[in-house]
Amino acid sequence: KPKKHKVDKKDKMKKKKEKKEKHKDKLEKSKESKREKLDKIKEKKEKKEKRKDKEDKLEKEGGEGVPKITLKLGKSSPRPPTPDNPLMKK
């Protein structure tokens, strides 16, 4: 019996240690993920800031760039009749 008691005690200690390590790993992972999220947010803010600065700079220059041109398409020409497709009247 005394040996069994020692074995049980060792098992309990081992389980306790494993649980502690597992918990430690979990905390470490959560800290890493929080850091990564904060870094991503920081990067987004920096990009937004750069974009804003760039837009302000372009605005100050007076918009010297290529003007945007929109082209309007005219009516399409009627399709010639084909033997498969008889002429459709509107």
PDB file of N, CA and C in Angstrom:
ATOM      1  N   LYS A   1       0.797  -1.216   0.000  1.00  0.00           N
ATOM      2  CA  LYS A   1       0.000   0.000   0.000  1.00  0.00           C
ATOM      3  C   LYS A   1       0.838   1.279   0.000  1.00  0.00           C
ATOM      4  N   PRO A   2       1.911   1.327   0.741  1.00  0.00           N
ATOM      5  CA  PRO A   2       2.673   2.581   0.757  1.00  0.00           C
ATOM      6  C   PRO A   2       3.184   2.962  -0.633  1.00  0.00           C
ATOM      7  N   LYS A   3       3.521   1.988  -1.467  1.00  0.00           N
ATOM      8  CA  LYS A   3       4.014   2.308  -2.814  1.00  0.00           C
ATOM      9  C   LYS A   3       2.897   2.931  -3.648  1.00  0.00           C
ATOM     10  N   LYS A   4       1.704   2.372  -3.545  1.00  0.00           N
ATOM     11  CA  LYS A   4       0.568   2.891  -4.312  1.00  0.00           C
ATOM     12  C   LYS A   4       0.305   4.349  -3.936  1.00  0.00           C
ATOM     13  N   HIS A   5       0.411   4.627  -2.669  1.00  0.00           N
ATOM     14  CA  HIS A   5       0.195   5.996  -2.197  1.00  0.00           C
ATOM     15  C   HIS A   5       1.216   6.956  -2.822  1.00  0.00           C
ATOM     16  N   LYS A   6       2.467   6.516  -2.894  1.00  0.00           N
ATOM     17  CA  LYS A   6       3.514   7.347  -3.501  1.00  0.00           C
ATOM     18  C   LYS A   6       3.237   7.573  -4.982  1.00  0.00           C
ATOM     19  N   VAL A   7       2.814   6.505  -5.661  1.00  0.00           N
ATOM     20  CA  VAL A   7       2.518   6.600  -7.091  1.00  0.00           C
ATOM     21  C   VAL A   7       1.363   7.569  -7.311  1.00  0.00           C
ATOM     22  N   ASP A   8       0.322   7.462  -6.501  1.00  0.00           N
ATOM     23  CA  ASP A   8      -0.825   8.366  -6.622  1.00  0.00           C
ATOM     24  C   ASP A   8      -0.396   9.817  -6.406  1.00  0.00           C
ATOM     25  N   LYS A   9       0.432  10.008  -5.417  1.00  0.00           N
ATOM     26  CA  LYS A   9       0.903  11.355  -5.109  1.00  0.00           C
ATOM     27  C   LYS A   9       1.716  11.921  -6.275  1.00  0.00           C
ATOM     28  N   LYS A  10       2.582  11.077  -6.861  1.00  0.00           N
ATOM     29  CA  LYS A  10       3.389  11.509  -8.009  1.00  0.00           C
ATOM     30  C   LYS A  10       2.486  11.874  -9.181  1.00  0.00           C
ATOM     31  N   ASP A  11       1.469  11.035  -9.422  1.00  0.00           N
ATOM     32  CA  ASP A  11       0.534  11.307 -10.515  1.00  0.00           C
ATOM     33  C   ASP A  11      -0.179  12.642 -10.302  1.00  0.00           C
ATOM     34  N   LYS A  12      -0.616  12.865  -9.076  1.00  0.00           N
ATOM     35  CA  LYS A  12      -1.305  14.118  -8.766  1.00  0.00           C
ATOM     36  C   LYS A  12      -0.390  15.313  -9.028  1.00  0.00           C
ATOM     37  N   MET A  13       0.849  15.197  -8.582  1.00  0.00           N
ATOM     38  CA  MET A  13       1.813  16.284  -8.773  1.00  0.00           C
ATOM     39  C   MET A  13       2.063  16.527 -10.265  1.00  0.00           C
ATOM     40  N   LYS A  14       2.171  15.418 -10.997  1.00  0.00           N
ATOM     41  CA  LYS A  14       2.429  15.507 -12.434  1.00  0.00           C
ATOM     42  C   LYS A  14       1.257  16.204 -13.135  1.00  0.00           C
ATOM     43  N   LYS A  15       0.032  15.794 -12.782  1.00  0.00           N
ATOM     44  CA  LYS A  15      -1.153  16.398 -13.386  1.00  0.00           C
ATOM     45  C   LYS A  15      -1.235  17.882 -13.059  1.00  0.00           C
ATOM     46  N   LYS A  16      -0.934  18.211 -11.815  1.00  0.00           N
ATOM     47  CA  LYS A  16      -0.974  19.601 -11.382  1.00  0.00           C
ATOM     48  C   LYS A  16       0.027  20.438 -12.176  1.00  0.00           C
ATOM     49  N   LYS A  17       1.219  19.884 -12.357  1.00  0.00           N
ATOM     50  CA  LYS A  17       2.276  20.578 -13.095  1.00  0.00           C
ATOM     51  C   LYS A  17       1.861  20.788 -14.555  1.00  0.00           C
ATOM     52  N   GLU A  18       1.290  19.742 -15.168  1.00  0.00           N
ATOM     53  CA  GLU A  18       0.847  19.837 -16.563  1.00  0.00           C
ATOM     54  C   GLU A  18      -0.242  20.901 -16.710  1.00  0.00           C
ATOM     55  N   LYS A  19      -1.163  20.901 -15.756  1.00  0.00           N
ATOM     56  CA  LYS A  19      -2.251  21.873 -15.796  1.00  0.00           C
ATOM     57  C   LYS A  19      -1.701  23.294 -15.705  1.00  0.00           C
ATOM     58  N   LYS A  20      -0.722  23.474 -14.826  1.00  0.00           N
ATOM     59  CA  LYS A  20      -0.093  24.782 -14.643  1.00  0.00           C
ATOM     60  C   LYS A  20       0.582  25.238 -15.941  1.00  0.00           C
ATOM     61  N   GLU A  21       1.314  24.320 -16.582  1.00  0.00           N
ATOM     62  CA  GLU A  21       2.002  24.650 -17.842  1.00  0.00           C
ATOM     63  C   GLU A  21       1.003  24.988 -18.943  1.00  0.00           C
ATOM     64  N   LYS A  22      -0.070  24.204 -18.990  1.00  0.00           N
ATOM     65  CA  LYS A  22      -1.090  24.429 -20.005  1.00  0.00           C
ATOM     66  C   LYS A  22      -1.696  25.824 -19.835  1.00  0.00           C
ATOM     67  N   HIS A  23      -1.995  26.163 -18.597  1.00  0.00           N
ATOM     68  CA  HIS A  23      -2.566  27.477 -18.298  1.00  0.00           C
ATOM     69  C   HIS A  23      -1.586  28.590 -18.682  1.00  0.00           C
ATOM     70  N   LYS A  24      -0.313  28.360 -18.387  1.00  0.00           N
ATOM     71  CA  LYS A  24       0.731  29.332 -18.710  1.00  0.00           C
ATOM     72  C   LYS A  24       0.805  29.548 -20.227  1.00  0.00           C
ATOM     73  N   ASP A  25       0.768  28.442 -20.983  1.00  0.00           N
ATOM     74  CA  ASP A  25       0.802  28.528 -22.446  1.00  0.00           C
ATOM     75  C   ASP A  25      -0.403  29.305 -22.969  1.00  0.00           C
ATOM     76  N   LYS A  26      -1.556  29.023 -22.383  1.00  0.00           N
ATOM     77  CA  LYS A  26      -2.780  29.682 -22.815  1.00  0.00           C
ATOM     78  C   LYS A  26      -2.679  31.192 -22.605  1.00  0.00           C
ATOM     79  N   LEU A  27      -2.182  31.592 -21.444  1.00  0.00           N
ATOM     80  CA  LEU A  27      -2.009  33.019 -21.155  1.00  0.00           C
ATOM     81  C   LEU A  27      -1.036  33.662 -22.138  1.00  0.00           C
ATOM     82  N   GLU A  28       0.042  32.951 -22.427  1.00  0.00           N
ATOM     83  CA  GLU A  28       1.053  33.464 -23.353  1.00  0.00           C
ATOM     84  C   GLU A  28       0.454  33.676 -24.742  1.00  0.00           C
ATOM     85  N   LYS A  29      -0.335  32.695 -25.191  1.00  0.00           N
ATOM     86  CA  LYS A  29      -0.961  32.802 -26.514  1.00  0.00           C
ATOM     87  C   LYS A  29      -1.913  33.986 -26.562  1.00  0.00           C
ATOM     88  N   SER A  30      -2.711  34.155 -25.513  1.00  0.00           N
ATOM     89  CA  SER A  30      -3.665  35.266 -25.510  1.00  0.00           C
ATOM     90  C   SER A  30      -2.928  36.604 -25.523  1.00  0.00           C
ATOM     91  N   LYS A  31      -1.809  36.687 -24.798  1.00  0.00           N
ATOM     92  CA  LYS A  31      -1.024  37.921 -24.801  1.00  0.00           C
ATOM     93  C   LYS A  31      -0.476  38.198 -26.194  1.00  0.00           C
ATOM     94  N   GLU A  32       0.011  37.144 -26.860  1.00  0.00           N
ATOM     95  CA  GLU A  32       0.551  37.306 -28.219  1.00  0.00           C
ATOM     96  C   GLU A  32      -0.530  37.796 -29.169  1.00  0.00           C
ATOM     97  N   SER A  33      -1.710  37.172 -29.093  1.00  0.00           N
ATOM     98  CA  SER A  33      -2.786  37.563 -30.001  1.00  0.00           C
ATOM     99  C   SER A  33      -3.203  39.012 -29.743  1.00  0.00           C
ATOM    100  N   LYS A  34      -3.218  39.422 -28.472  1.00  0.00           N
ATOM    101  CA  LYS A  34      -3.561  40.813 -28.161  1.00  0.00           C
ATOM    102  C   LYS A  34      -2.526  41.759 -28.753  1.00  0.00           C
ATOM    103  N   ARG A  35      -1.238  41.385 -28.622  1.00  0.00           N
ATOM    104  CA  ARG A  35      -0.171  42.214 -29.195  1.00  0.00           C
ATOM    105  C   ARG A  35      -0.328  42.330 -30.704  1.00  0.00           C
ATOM    106  N   GLU A  36      -0.613  41.188 -31.352  1.00  0.00           N
ATOM    107  CA  GLU A  36      -0.776  41.194 -32.807  1.00  0.00           C
ATOM    108  C   GLU A  36      -1.937  42.095 -33.214  1.00  0.00           C
ATOM    109  N   LYS A  37      -3.046  42.005 -32.485  1.00  0.00           N
ATOM    110  CA  LYS A  37      -4.201  42.846 -32.804  1.00  0.00           C
ATOM    111  C   LYS A  37      -3.852  44.320 -32.659  1.00  0.00           C
ATOM    112  N   LEU A  38      -3.144  44.647 -31.582  1.00  0.00           N
ATOM    113  CA  LEU A  38      -2.741  46.040 -31.373  1.00  0.00           C
ATOM    114  C   LEU A  38      -1.815  46.517 -32.485  1.00  0.00           C
ATOM    115  N   ASP A  39      -0.895  45.642 -32.916  1.00  0.00           N
ATOM    116  CA  ASP A  39       0.011  45.996 -34.012  1.00  0.00           C
ATOM    117  C   ASP A  39      -0.766  46.254 -35.301  1.00  0.00           C
ATOM    118  N   LYS A  40      -1.751  45.391 -35.579  1.00  0.00           N
ATOM    119  CA  LYS A  40      -2.556  45.570 -36.795  1.00  0.00           C
ATOM    120  C   LYS A  40      -3.301  46.896 -36.754  1.00  0.00           C
ATOM    121  N   ILE A  41      -3.883  47.197 -35.592  1.00  0.00           N
ATOM    122  CA  ILE A  41      -4.619  48.453 -35.451  1.00  0.00           C
ATOM    123  C   ILE A  41      -3.681  49.638 -35.656  1.00  0.00           C
ATOM    124  N   LYS A  42      -2.485  49.533 -35.096  1.00  0.00           N
ATOM    125  CA  LYS A  42      -1.480  50.593 -35.233  1.00  0.00           C
ATOM    126  C   LYS A  42      -1.131  50.797 -36.709  1.00  0.00           C
ATOM    127  N   GLU A  43      -0.909  49.686 -37.426  1.00  0.00           N
ATOM    128  CA  GLU A  43      -0.565  49.768 -38.849  1.00  0.00           C
ATOM    129  C   GLU A  43      -1.689  50.429 -39.636  1.00  0.00           C
ATOM    130  N   LYS A  44      -2.937  50.044 -39.339  1.00  0.00           N
ATOM    131  CA  LYS A  44      -4.072  50.636 -40.042  1.00  0.00           C
ATOM    132  C   LYS A  44      -4.125  52.140 -39.819  1.00  0.00           C
ATOM    133  N   LYS A  45      -3.897  52.556 -38.562  1.00  0.00           N
ATOM    134  CA  LYS A  45      -3.912  53.987 -38.257  1.00  0.00           C
ATOM    135  C   LYS A  45      -2.821  54.709 -39.030  1.00  0.00           C
ATOM    136  N   GLU A  46      -1.628  54.106 -39.084  1.00  0.00           N
ATOM    137  CA  GLU A  46      -0.515  54.729 -39.812  1.00  0.00           C
ATOM    138  C   GLU A  46      -0.841  54.859 -41.297  1.00  0.00           C
ATOM    139  N   LYS A  47      -1.413  53.802 -41.877  1.00  0.00           N
ATOM    140  CA  LYS A  47      -1.773  53.847 -43.300  1.00  0.00           C
ATOM    141  C   LYS A  47      -2.805  54.941 -43.554  1.00  0.00           C
ATOM    142  N   LYS A  48      -3.795  55.008 -42.652  1.00  0.00           N
ATOM    143  CA  LYS A  48      -4.839  56.013 -42.795  1.00  0.00           C
ATOM    144  C   LYS A  48      -4.237  57.412 -42.726  1.00  0.00           C
ATOM    145  N   GLU A  49      -3.319  57.600 -41.786  1.00  0.00           N
ATOM    146  CA  GLU A  49      -2.643  58.886 -41.608  1.00  0.00           C
ATOM    147  C   GLU A  49      -1.866  59.254 -42.876  1.00  0.00           C
ATOM    148  N   LYS A  50      -1.120  58.290 -43.426  1.00  0.00           N
ATOM    149  CA  LYS A  50      -0.343  58.540 -44.649  1.00  0.00           C
ATOM    150  C   LYS A  50      -1.262  58.936 -45.798  1.00  0.00           C
ATOM    151  N   ARG A  51      -2.373  58.189 -45.935  1.00  0.00           N
ATOM    152  CA  ARG A  51      -3.315  58.459 -47.017  1.00  0.00           C
ATOM    153  C   ARG A  51      -3.884  59.873 -46.868  1.00  0.00           C
ATOM    154  N   LYS A  52      -4.222  60.227 -45.628  1.00  0.00           N
ATOM    155  CA  LYS A  52      -4.776  61.554 -45.363  1.00  0.00           C
ATOM    156  C   LYS A  52      -3.758  62.638 -45.713  1.00  0.00           C
ATOM    157  N   ASP A  53      -2.506  62.425 -45.298  1.00  0.00           N
ATOM    158  CA  ASP A  53      -1.445  63.385 -45.610  1.00  0.00           C
ATOM    159  C   ASP A  53      -1.275  63.535 -47.119  1.00  0.00           C
ATOM    160  N   LYS A  54      -1.324  62.413 -47.813  1.00  0.00           N
ATOM    161  CA  LYS A  54      -1.161  62.423 -49.270  1.00  0.00           C
ATOM    162  C   LYS A  54      -2.298  63.216 -49.928  1.00  0.00           C
ATOM    163  N   GLU A  55      -3.535  62.974 -49.459  1.00  0.00           N
ATOM    164  CA  GLU A  55      -4.681  63.689 -50.018  1.00  0.00           C
ATOM    165  C   GLU A  55      -4.572  65.190 -49.741  1.00  0.00           C
ATOM    166  N   ASP A  56      -4.164  65.549 -48.532  1.00  0.00           N
ATOM    167  CA  ASP A  56      -3.993  66.962 -48.185  1.00  0.00           C
ATOM    168  C   ASP A  56      -2.935  67.608 -49.073  1.00  0.00           C
ATOM    169  N   LYS A  57      -1.856  66.882 -49.309  1.00  0.00           N
ATOM    170  CA  LYS A  57      -0.765  67.388 -50.142  1.00  0.00           C
ATOM    171  C   LYS A  57      -1.265  67.639 -51.569  1.00  0.00           C
ATOM    172  N   LEU A  58      -2.027  66.692 -52.111  1.00  0.00           N
ATOM    173  CA  LEU A  58      -2.564  66.854 -53.461  1.00  0.00           C
ATOM    174  C   LEU A  58      -3.524  68.037 -53.519  1.00  0.00           C
ATOM    175  N   GLU A  59      -4.312  68.206 -52.466  1.00  0.00           N
ATOM    176  CA  GLU A  59      -5.272  69.305 -52.419  1.00  0.00           C
ATOM    177  C   GLU A  59      -4.550  70.649 -52.405  1.00  0.00           C
ATOM    178  N   LYS A  60      -3.449  70.731 -51.660  1.00  0.00           N
ATOM    179  CA  LYS A  60      -2.676  71.970 -51.567  1.00  0.00           C
ATOM    180  C   LYS A  60      -2.014  72.320 -52.893  1.00  0.00           C
ATOM    181  N   GLU A  61      -1.612  71.300 -53.648  1.00  0.00           N
ATOM    182  CA  GLU A  61      -0.941  71.535 -54.930  1.00  0.00           C
ATOM    183  C   GLU A  61      -1.912  72.102 -55.957  1.00  0.00           C
ATOM    184  N   GLY A  62      -3.185  72.003 -55.694  1.00  0.00           N
ATOM    185  CA  GLY A  62      -4.158  72.552 -56.627  1.00  0.00           C
ATOM    186  C   GLY A  62      -4.693  71.490 -57.565  1.00  0.00           C
ATOM    187  N   GLY A  63      -4.479  70.265 -57.248  1.00  0.00           N
ATOM    188  CA  GLY A  63      -5.025  69.185 -58.061  1.00  0.00           C
ATOM    189  C   GLY A  63      -4.421  69.122 -59.446  1.00  0.00           C
ATOM    190  N   GLU A  64      -3.141  69.419 -59.565  1.00  0.00           N
ATOM    191  CA  GLU A  64      -2.494  69.326 -60.870  1.00  0.00           C
ATOM    192  C   GLU A  64      -2.258  67.870 -61.213  1.00  0.00           C
ATOM    193  N   GLY A  65      -3.201  67.312 -61.889  1.00  0.00           N
ATOM    194  CA  GLY A  65      -3.081  65.927 -62.307  1.00  0.00           C
ATOM    195  C   GLY A  65      -3.850  65.764 -63.592  1.00  0.00           C
ATOM    196  N   VAL A  66      -4.060  64.578 -63.975  1.00  0.00           N
ATOM    197  CA  VAL A  66      -4.835  64.316 -65.172  1.00  0.00           C
ATOM    198  C   VAL A  66      -6.307  64.435 -64.802  1.00  0.00           C
ATOM    199  N   PRO A  67      -7.036  65.328 -65.498  1.00  0.00           N
ATOM    200  CA  PRO A  67      -8.459  65.452 -65.176  1.00  0.00           C
ATOM    201  C   PRO A  67      -9.210  64.185 -65.573  1.00  0.00           C
ATOM    202  N   LYS A  68     -10.218  63.873 -64.784  1.00  0.00           N
ATOM    203  CA  LYS A  68     -11.002  62.679 -65.095  1.00  0.00           C
ATOM    204  C   LYS A  68     -11.978  63.003 -66.213  1.00  0.00           C
ATOM    205  N   ILE A  69     -12.063  62.099 -67.171  1.00  0.00           N
ATOM    206  CA  ILE A  69     -12.957  62.293 -68.302  1.00  0.00           C
ATOM    207  C   ILE A  69     -13.929  61.122 -68.341  1.00  0.00           C
ATOM    208  N   THR A  70     -15.214  61.450 -68.473  1.00  0.00           N
ATOM    209  CA  THR A  70     -16.200  60.375 -68.621  1.00  0.00           C
ATOM    210  C   THR A  70     -16.741  60.437 -70.036  1.00  0.00           C
ATOM    211  N   LEU A  71     -16.765  59.320 -70.666  1.00  0.00           N
ATOM    212  CA  LEU A  71     -17.250  59.244 -72.039  1.00  0.00           C
ATOM    213  C   LEU A  71     -18.653  58.659 -72.051  1.00  0.00           C
ATOM    214  N   LYS A  72     -19.517  59.284 -72.862  1.00  0.00           N
ATOM    215  CA  LYS A  72     -20.868  58.756 -72.994  1.00  0.00           C
ATOM    216  C   LYS A  72     -20.945  58.001 -74.310  1.00  0.00           C
ATOM    217  N   LEU A  73     -21.522  56.830 -74.235  1.00  0.00           N
ATOM    218  CA  LEU A  73     -21.660  56.022 -75.439  1.00  0.00           C
ATOM    219  C   LEU A  73     -22.945  56.394 -76.164  1.00  0.00           C
ATOM    220  N   GLY A  74     -22.865  56.414 -77.498  1.00  0.00           N
ATOM    221  CA  GLY A  74     -24.045  56.703 -78.297  1.00  0.00           C
ATOM    222  C   GLY A  74     -24.893  55.452 -78.479  1.00  0.00           C
ATOM    223  N   LYS A  75     -25.944  55.590 -79.299  1.00  0.00           N
ATOM    224  CA  LYS A  75     -26.804  54.437 -79.562  1.00  0.00           C
ATOM    225  C   LYS A  75     -26.028  53.393 -80.346  1.00  0.00           C
ATOM    226  N   SER A  76     -26.363  52.154 -80.080  1.00  0.00           N
ATOM    227  CA  SER A  76     -25.688  51.089 -80.827  1.00  0.00           C
ATOM    228  C   SER A  76     -26.337  50.952 -82.192  1.00  0.00           C
ATOM    229  N   SER A  77     -25.549  50.533 -83.174  1.00  0.00           N
ATOM    230  CA  SER A  77     -26.098  50.378 -84.519  1.00  0.00           C
ATOM    231  C   SER A  77     -26.920  49.090 -84.574  1.00  0.00           C
ATOM    232  N   PRO A  78     -27.958  49.072 -85.433  1.00  0.00           N
ATOM    233  CA  PRO A  78     -28.801  47.863 -85.510  1.00  0.00           C
ATOM    234  C   PRO A  78     -28.010  46.684 -86.070  1.00  0.00           C
ATOM    235  N   ARG A  79     -28.322  45.506 -85.563  1.00  0.00           N
ATOM    236  CA  ARG A  79     -27.617  44.313 -86.036  1.00  0.00           C
ATOM    237  C   ARG A  79     -28.191  43.878 -87.379  1.00  0.00           C
ATOM    238  N   PRO A  80     -27.328  43.475 -88.283  1.00  0.00           N
ATOM    239  CA  PRO A  80     -27.839  43.000 -89.577  1.00  0.00           C
ATOM    240  C   PRO A  80     -28.568  41.665 -89.399  1.00  0.00           C
ATOM    241  N   PRO A  81     -29.619  41.452 -90.186  1.00  0.00           N
ATOM    242  CA  PRO A  81     -30.375  40.191 -90.039  1.00  0.00           C
ATOM    243  C   PRO A  81     -29.532  38.990 -90.463  1.00  0.00           C
ATOM    244  N   THR A  82     -29.726  37.895 -89.778  1.00  0.00           N
ATOM    245  CA  THR A  82     -29.028  36.658 -90.126  1.00  0.00           C
ATOM    246  C   THR A  82     -30.075  35.600 -90.415  1.00  0.00           C
ATOM    247  N   PRO A  83     -29.709  34.561 -91.116  1.00  0.00           N
ATOM    248  CA  PRO A  83     -30.705  33.531 -91.440  1.00  0.00           C
ATOM    249  C   PRO A  83     -31.295  32.875 -90.174  1.00  0.00           C
ATOM    250  N   ASP A  84     -30.494  32.742 -89.104  1.00  0.00           N
ATOM    251  CA  ASP A  84     -30.999  32.120 -87.870  1.00  0.00           C
ATOM    252  C   ASP A  84     -31.920  33.082 -87.121  1.00  0.00           C
ATOM    253  N   ASN A  85     -31.582  34.361 -87.175  1.00  0.00           N
ATOM    254  CA  ASN A  85     -32.261  35.351 -86.353  1.00  0.00           C
ATOM    255  C   ASN A  85     -33.063  36.303 -87.246  1.00  0.00           C
ATOM    256  N   PRO A  86     -34.384  36.135 -87.346  1.00  0.00           N
ATOM    257  CA  PRO A  86     -35.173  37.062 -88.185  1.00  0.00           C
ATOM    258  C   PRO A  86     -35.205  38.452 -87.548  1.00  0.00           C
ATOM    259  N   LEU A  87     -35.486  39.470 -88.379  1.00  0.00           N
ATOM    260  CA  LEU A  87     -35.503  40.855 -87.911  1.00  0.00           C
ATOM    261  C   LEU A  87     -36.587  41.062 -86.851  1.00  0.00           C
ATOM    262  N   MET A  88     -36.193  41.678 -85.748  1.00  0.00           N
ATOM    263  CA  MET A  88     -37.171  41.974 -84.694  1.00  0.00           C
ATOM    264  C   MET A  88     -37.553  43.437 -84.796  1.00  0.00           C
ATOM    265  N   LYS A  89     -38.854  43.706 -84.712  1.00  0.00           N
ATOM    266  CA  LYS A  89     -39.326  45.090 -84.783  1.00  0.00           C
ATOM    267  C   LYS A  89     -39.680  45.556 -83.385  1.00  0.00           C
ATOM    268  N   LYS A  90     -39.403  46.831 -83.134  1.00  0.00           N
ATOM    269  CA  LYS A  90     -39.710  47.404 -81.817  1.00  0.00           C
ATOM    270  C   LYS A  90     -41.080  48.008 -81.819  1.00  0.00           C
TER     271      LYS A  90
END
